[in-house]
Amino acid sequence: MNPKPYDSRGAGDPTAVPAALGLALLAVGGWLLTTARPWQKPGHPLTLGLGWTASGALLVCGLVLLARCVRTVHGRPAPYEVPSEAPPATSDPDVPAPTEAGTGTDD
C-alpha cells in the first residue's frame, strides 16, 4: 500500500496562472465594455473613448495570454531525437576507425 495518496508531479501546470489572468482580463474588459455603451447612457466623448480604449486593451491582452497558454499546451510536440552514440572516451591513433559494418577492420 502506498502511503502517499498522489504521485509527486512537480510544481504543477506552468500555464495555469497566465490562463487565469487572461480570463480575468477578458472578464474585466467585457464588463467595462458593457458599462461604456454610449447608446445606453450618453456621456462625455473623452470618458467614452477612454472606457472603450481600456476595455479593448484588456480584451486584447486577455486574448493574447489565453492564446499563448493554449499554444503552449496544444502546440506541436518537439520532434523525436534519436540518441546518438557517444564517441569513445579515449582514441588510440594505432587502432583503425570502425568501418560501416562496425568491425574495425578493412578487409
N, C-alpha and C. Protein backbone atom coordinates (compact mmCIF):
# COMPACT_ATOMS: atom_id res chain seq x y z
N MET A 1 0.84 -1.17 0.00
CA MET A 1 0.00 0.00 0.00
C MET A 1 0.89 1.24 0.00
N ASN A 2 0.51 2.19 -0.82
CA ASN A 2 1.27 3.42 -0.98
C ASN A 2 0.81 4.42 0.09
N PRO A 3 1.72 4.90 0.95
CA PRO A 3 1.30 5.84 1.99
C PRO A 3 0.92 7.21 1.43
N LYS A 4 1.46 7.57 0.26
CA LYS A 4 1.12 8.86 -0.34
C LYS A 4 -0.06 8.67 -1.28
N PRO A 5 -1.10 9.47 -1.14
CA PRO A 5 -2.27 9.28 -2.00
C PRO A 5 -2.03 9.68 -3.45
N TYR A 6 -1.10 10.60 -3.69
CA TYR A 6 -0.86 11.07 -5.05
C TYR A 6 0.63 11.01 -5.34
N ASP A 7 0.95 10.80 -6.59
CA ASP A 7 2.35 10.85 -7.00
C ASP A 7 2.78 12.30 -7.02
N SER A 8 4.04 12.51 -6.74
CA SER A 8 4.53 13.89 -6.83
C SER A 8 4.79 14.18 -8.30
N ARG A 9 4.16 15.21 -8.80
CA ARG A 9 4.26 15.54 -10.22
C ARG A 9 4.92 16.90 -10.44
N GLY A 10 5.63 17.39 -9.52
CA GLY A 10 6.31 18.66 -9.72
C GLY A 10 5.49 19.83 -9.21
N ALA A 11 5.80 20.99 -9.75
CA ALA A 11 5.21 22.23 -9.27
C ALA A 11 3.82 22.48 -9.84
N GLY A 12 3.38 21.72 -10.79
CA GLY A 12 2.06 21.94 -11.37
C GLY A 12 2.14 22.48 -12.77
N ASP A 13 1.03 22.94 -13.27
CA ASP A 13 0.94 23.45 -14.63
C ASP A 13 1.50 24.86 -14.70
N PRO A 14 2.51 25.11 -15.54
CA PRO A 14 3.07 26.46 -15.61
C PRO A 14 2.17 27.44 -16.35
N THR A 15 1.13 26.96 -17.01
CA THR A 15 0.24 27.87 -17.74
C THR A 15 -1.02 28.21 -16.96
N ALA A 16 -1.16 27.71 -15.76
CA ALA A 16 -2.40 27.94 -15.00
C ALA A 16 -2.57 29.40 -14.60
N VAL A 17 -1.54 30.02 -14.11
CA VAL A 17 -1.64 31.42 -13.66
C VAL A 17 -1.85 32.37 -14.85
N PRO A 18 -1.06 32.24 -15.94
CA PRO A 18 -1.35 33.13 -17.07
C PRO A 18 -2.74 32.92 -17.68
N ALA A 19 -3.21 31.69 -17.71
CA ALA A 19 -4.55 31.43 -18.24
C ALA A 19 -5.62 32.07 -17.35
N ALA A 20 -5.45 31.96 -16.05
CA ALA A 20 -6.41 32.58 -15.13
C ALA A 20 -6.37 34.10 -15.25
N LEU A 21 -5.18 34.65 -15.40
CA LEU A 21 -5.06 36.10 -15.58
C LEU A 21 -5.70 36.53 -16.89
N GLY A 22 -5.52 35.74 -17.95
CA GLY A 22 -6.15 36.06 -19.23
C GLY A 22 -7.66 36.04 -19.13
N LEU A 23 -8.21 35.04 -18.44
CA LEU A 23 -9.66 35.00 -18.25
C LEU A 23 -10.16 36.18 -17.41
N ALA A 24 -9.39 36.57 -16.41
CA ALA A 24 -9.78 37.71 -15.58
C ALA A 24 -9.75 39.01 -16.41
N LEU A 25 -8.73 39.16 -17.25
CA LEU A 25 -8.67 40.35 -18.10
C LEU A 25 -9.83 40.38 -19.09
N LEU A 26 -10.20 39.22 -19.63
CA LEU A 26 -11.35 39.17 -20.52
C LEU A 26 -12.63 39.55 -19.79
N ALA A 27 -12.77 39.07 -18.57
CA ALA A 27 -13.98 39.38 -17.79
C ALA A 27 -14.05 40.87 -17.47
N VAL A 28 -12.95 41.44 -17.03
CA VAL A 28 -12.95 42.87 -16.68
C VAL A 28 -13.14 43.72 -17.94
N GLY A 29 -12.48 43.33 -19.03
CA GLY A 29 -12.63 44.08 -20.27
C GLY A 29 -14.06 44.01 -20.79
N GLY A 30 -14.68 42.83 -20.71
CA GLY A 30 -16.08 42.71 -21.13
C GLY A 30 -17.02 43.50 -20.26
N TRP A 31 -16.77 43.48 -18.97
CA TRP A 31 -17.61 44.25 -18.05
C TRP A 31 -17.47 45.74 -18.34
N LEU A 32 -16.24 46.20 -18.56
CA LEU A 32 -16.00 47.61 -18.83
C LEU A 32 -16.63 48.01 -20.17
N LEU A 33 -16.60 47.09 -21.12
CA LEU A 33 -17.20 47.38 -22.42
C LEU A 33 -18.72 47.54 -22.30
N THR A 34 -19.32 46.71 -21.46
CA THR A 34 -20.77 46.82 -21.31
C THR A 34 -21.17 48.04 -20.50
N THR A 35 -20.30 48.55 -19.65
CA THR A 35 -20.63 49.75 -18.88
C THR A 35 -20.36 51.02 -19.66
N ALA A 36 -19.59 50.95 -20.73
CA ALA A 36 -19.24 52.14 -21.51
C ALA A 36 -20.01 52.18 -22.82
N ARG A 37 -21.28 51.82 -22.80
CA ARG A 37 -22.11 51.82 -24.00
C ARG A 37 -22.70 53.22 -24.20
N PRO A 38 -22.35 53.90 -25.29
CA PRO A 38 -22.86 55.27 -25.47
C PRO A 38 -24.34 55.31 -25.80
N TRP A 39 -24.90 54.24 -26.32
CA TRP A 39 -26.32 54.25 -26.67
C TRP A 39 -27.21 54.08 -25.45
N GLN A 40 -26.66 53.61 -24.33
CA GLN A 40 -27.44 53.45 -23.11
C GLN A 40 -27.44 54.73 -22.28
N LYS A 41 -26.27 55.28 -22.11
CA LYS A 41 -26.16 56.49 -21.28
C LYS A 41 -25.15 57.43 -21.95
N PRO A 42 -25.61 58.44 -22.60
CA PRO A 42 -24.69 59.36 -23.25
C PRO A 42 -23.80 60.04 -22.22
N GLY A 43 -22.56 60.14 -22.55
CA GLY A 43 -21.61 60.78 -21.64
C GLY A 43 -20.64 61.64 -22.42
N HIS A 44 -19.65 62.09 -21.74
CA HIS A 44 -18.63 62.91 -22.37
C HIS A 44 -17.84 62.04 -23.35
N PRO A 45 -17.51 62.54 -24.52
CA PRO A 45 -16.77 61.74 -25.50
C PRO A 45 -15.41 61.25 -25.00
N LEU A 46 -14.77 62.06 -24.18
CA LEU A 46 -13.47 61.65 -23.64
C LEU A 46 -13.62 60.45 -22.70
N THR A 47 -14.64 60.48 -21.86
CA THR A 47 -14.89 59.36 -20.95
C THR A 47 -15.24 58.09 -21.72
N LEU A 48 -16.08 58.23 -22.73
CA LEU A 48 -16.45 57.07 -23.53
C LEU A 48 -15.24 56.52 -24.29
N GLY A 49 -14.43 57.41 -24.83
CA GLY A 49 -13.24 56.98 -25.56
C GLY A 49 -12.25 56.26 -24.66
N LEU A 50 -12.06 56.79 -23.45
CA LEU A 50 -11.15 56.13 -22.50
C LEU A 50 -11.69 54.77 -22.07
N GLY A 51 -13.00 54.69 -21.85
CA GLY A 51 -13.60 53.42 -21.45
C GLY A 51 -13.48 52.37 -22.54
N TRP A 52 -13.76 52.75 -23.78
CA TRP A 52 -13.65 51.80 -24.88
C TRP A 52 -12.20 51.40 -25.13
N THR A 53 -11.29 52.35 -25.00
CA THR A 53 -9.87 52.04 -25.20
C THR A 53 -9.37 51.09 -24.12
N ALA A 54 -9.72 51.37 -22.88
CA ALA A 54 -9.28 50.50 -21.78
C ALA A 54 -9.88 49.10 -21.92
N SER A 55 -11.17 49.03 -22.26
CA SER A 55 -11.79 47.72 -22.39
C SER A 55 -11.21 46.96 -23.58
N GLY A 56 -10.94 47.65 -24.66
CA GLY A 56 -10.31 46.99 -25.81
C GLY A 56 -8.92 46.48 -25.48
N ALA A 57 -8.15 47.28 -24.76
CA ALA A 57 -6.80 46.85 -24.37
C ALA A 57 -6.86 45.63 -23.45
N LEU A 58 -7.78 45.64 -22.50
CA LEU A 58 -7.92 44.49 -21.60
C LEU A 58 -8.35 43.24 -22.36
N LEU A 59 -9.27 43.39 -23.30
CA LEU A 59 -9.72 42.24 -24.08
C LEU A 59 -8.59 41.68 -24.95
N VAL A 60 -7.83 42.55 -25.57
CA VAL A 60 -6.72 42.08 -26.41
C VAL A 60 -5.64 41.39 -25.56
N CYS A 61 -5.30 41.98 -24.42
CA CYS A 61 -4.29 41.36 -23.54
C CYS A 61 -4.77 40.01 -23.02
N GLY A 62 -6.04 39.92 -22.66
CA GLY A 62 -6.58 38.64 -22.20
C GLY A 62 -6.55 37.59 -23.29
N LEU A 63 -6.92 37.98 -24.51
CA LEU A 63 -6.87 37.04 -25.62
C LEU A 63 -5.45 36.58 -25.93
N VAL A 64 -4.51 37.49 -25.85
CA VAL A 64 -3.10 37.13 -26.11
C VAL A 64 -2.60 36.14 -25.06
N LEU A 65 -2.91 36.40 -23.80
CA LEU A 65 -2.48 35.49 -22.74
C LEU A 65 -3.10 34.10 -22.92
N LEU A 66 -4.39 34.05 -23.20
CA LEU A 66 -5.04 32.76 -23.40
C LEU A 66 -4.50 32.04 -24.62
N ALA A 67 -4.26 32.78 -25.70
CA ALA A 67 -3.73 32.15 -26.91
C ALA A 67 -2.34 31.57 -26.67
N ARG A 68 -1.51 32.27 -25.90
CA ARG A 68 -0.17 31.74 -25.60
C ARG A 68 -0.25 30.48 -24.76
N CYS A 69 -1.18 30.45 -23.81
CA CYS A 69 -1.34 29.25 -22.97
C CYS A 69 -1.85 28.07 -23.79
N VAL A 70 -2.82 28.32 -24.64
CA VAL A 70 -3.34 27.24 -25.48
C VAL A 70 -2.27 26.75 -26.43
N ARG A 71 -1.49 27.66 -26.97
CA ARG A 71 -0.41 27.26 -27.87
C ARG A 71 0.66 26.45 -27.15
N THR A 72 0.93 26.81 -25.90
CA THR A 72 1.91 26.06 -25.12
C THR A 72 1.41 24.65 -24.84
N VAL A 73 0.15 24.53 -24.46
CA VAL A 73 -0.38 23.22 -24.09
C VAL A 73 -0.66 22.36 -25.31
N HIS A 74 -1.23 22.94 -26.35
CA HIS A 74 -1.65 22.16 -27.51
C HIS A 74 -0.78 22.37 -28.73
N GLY A 75 0.40 22.93 -28.54
CA GLY A 75 1.28 23.19 -29.67
C GLY A 75 1.88 21.91 -30.23
N ARG A 76 2.64 22.07 -31.29
CA ARG A 76 3.28 20.93 -31.93
C ARG A 76 4.31 20.33 -30.98
N PRO A 77 4.31 19.01 -30.80
CA PRO A 77 5.28 18.41 -29.90
C PRO A 77 6.69 18.50 -30.49
N ALA A 78 7.65 18.47 -29.61
CA ALA A 78 9.04 18.54 -30.04
C ALA A 78 9.37 17.30 -30.87
N PRO A 79 10.17 17.45 -31.91
CA PRO A 79 10.50 16.29 -32.73
C PRO A 79 11.31 15.28 -31.93
N TYR A 80 11.07 14.02 -32.23
CA TYR A 80 11.78 12.96 -31.53
C TYR A 80 13.22 12.92 -32.01
N GLU A 81 14.13 12.94 -31.10
CA GLU A 81 15.54 12.87 -31.45
C GLU A 81 16.08 11.50 -31.08
N VAL A 82 16.73 10.88 -32.03
CA VAL A 82 17.36 9.59 -31.78
C VAL A 82 18.67 9.86 -31.05
N PRO A 83 18.85 9.23 -29.90
CA PRO A 83 20.10 9.48 -29.18
C PRO A 83 21.29 8.97 -29.98
N SER A 84 22.27 9.83 -30.13
CA SER A 84 23.45 9.43 -30.90
C SER A 84 24.41 8.68 -30.00
N GLU A 85 25.21 7.85 -30.64
CA GLU A 85 26.21 7.10 -29.88
C GLU A 85 27.34 8.04 -29.48
N ALA A 86 27.75 7.91 -28.27
CA ALA A 86 28.84 8.76 -27.79
C ALA A 86 30.16 8.26 -28.36
N PRO A 87 31.07 9.16 -28.70
CA PRO A 87 32.38 8.73 -29.19
C PRO A 87 33.15 8.03 -28.08
N PRO A 88 34.10 7.19 -28.44
CA PRO A 88 34.87 6.52 -27.39
C PRO A 88 35.59 7.53 -26.50
N ALA A 89 35.73 7.16 -25.24
CA ALA A 89 36.34 8.06 -24.26
C ALA A 89 37.78 8.38 -24.63
N THR A 90 38.52 7.41 -25.06
CA THR A 90 39.91 7.64 -25.47
C THR A 90 40.09 7.14 -26.89
N SER A 91 40.78 7.89 -27.67
CA SER A 91 41.03 7.46 -29.05
C SER A 91 42.51 7.12 -29.18
N ASP A 92 42.78 5.91 -29.66
CA ASP A 92 44.15 5.43 -29.85
C ASP A 92 44.48 5.59 -31.32
N PRO A 93 45.56 6.31 -31.66
CA PRO A 93 45.88 6.51 -33.06
C PRO A 93 46.26 5.21 -33.78
N ASP A 94 46.67 4.16 -33.06
CA ASP A 94 47.06 2.91 -33.70
C ASP A 94 45.86 2.03 -34.05
N VAL A 95 44.71 2.28 -33.46
CA VAL A 95 43.53 1.48 -33.73
C VAL A 95 42.79 2.12 -34.90
N PRO A 96 42.49 1.34 -35.96
CA PRO A 96 41.77 1.93 -37.09
C PRO A 96 40.33 2.26 -36.71
N ALA A 97 39.79 3.23 -37.40
CA ALA A 97 38.42 3.63 -37.15
C ALA A 97 37.48 2.53 -37.63
N PRO A 98 36.35 2.35 -36.98
CA PRO A 98 35.43 1.30 -37.43
C PRO A 98 34.85 1.64 -38.80
N THR A 99 34.63 0.61 -39.58
CA THR A 99 34.05 0.79 -40.91
C THR A 99 32.55 0.81 -40.79
N GLU A 100 31.88 0.83 -41.92
CA GLU A 100 30.42 0.89 -41.90
C GLU A 100 29.82 -0.34 -41.27
N ALA A 101 30.48 -1.48 -41.43
CA ALA A 101 29.99 -2.72 -40.83
C ALA A 101 30.24 -2.73 -39.33
N GLY A 102 31.13 -1.88 -38.86
CA GLY A 102 31.39 -1.79 -37.43
C GLY A 102 32.40 -2.78 -36.90
N THR A 103 33.19 -3.42 -37.81
CA THR A 103 34.16 -4.41 -37.32
C THR A 103 35.48 -3.78 -36.97
N GLY A 104 35.81 -2.64 -37.57
CA GLY A 104 37.08 -2.00 -37.27
C GLY A 104 38.22 -2.52 -38.14
N THR A 105 37.95 -3.39 -39.07
CA THR A 105 39.00 -3.90 -39.95
C THR A 105 38.66 -3.55 -41.38
N ASP A 106 39.68 -3.38 -42.19
CA ASP A 106 39.50 -3.07 -43.61
C ASP A 106 39.88 -4.28 -44.44
N ASP A 107 39.03 -5.23 -44.57
CA ASP A 107 39.33 -6.44 -45.35
C ASP A 107 38.79 -6.34 -46.73
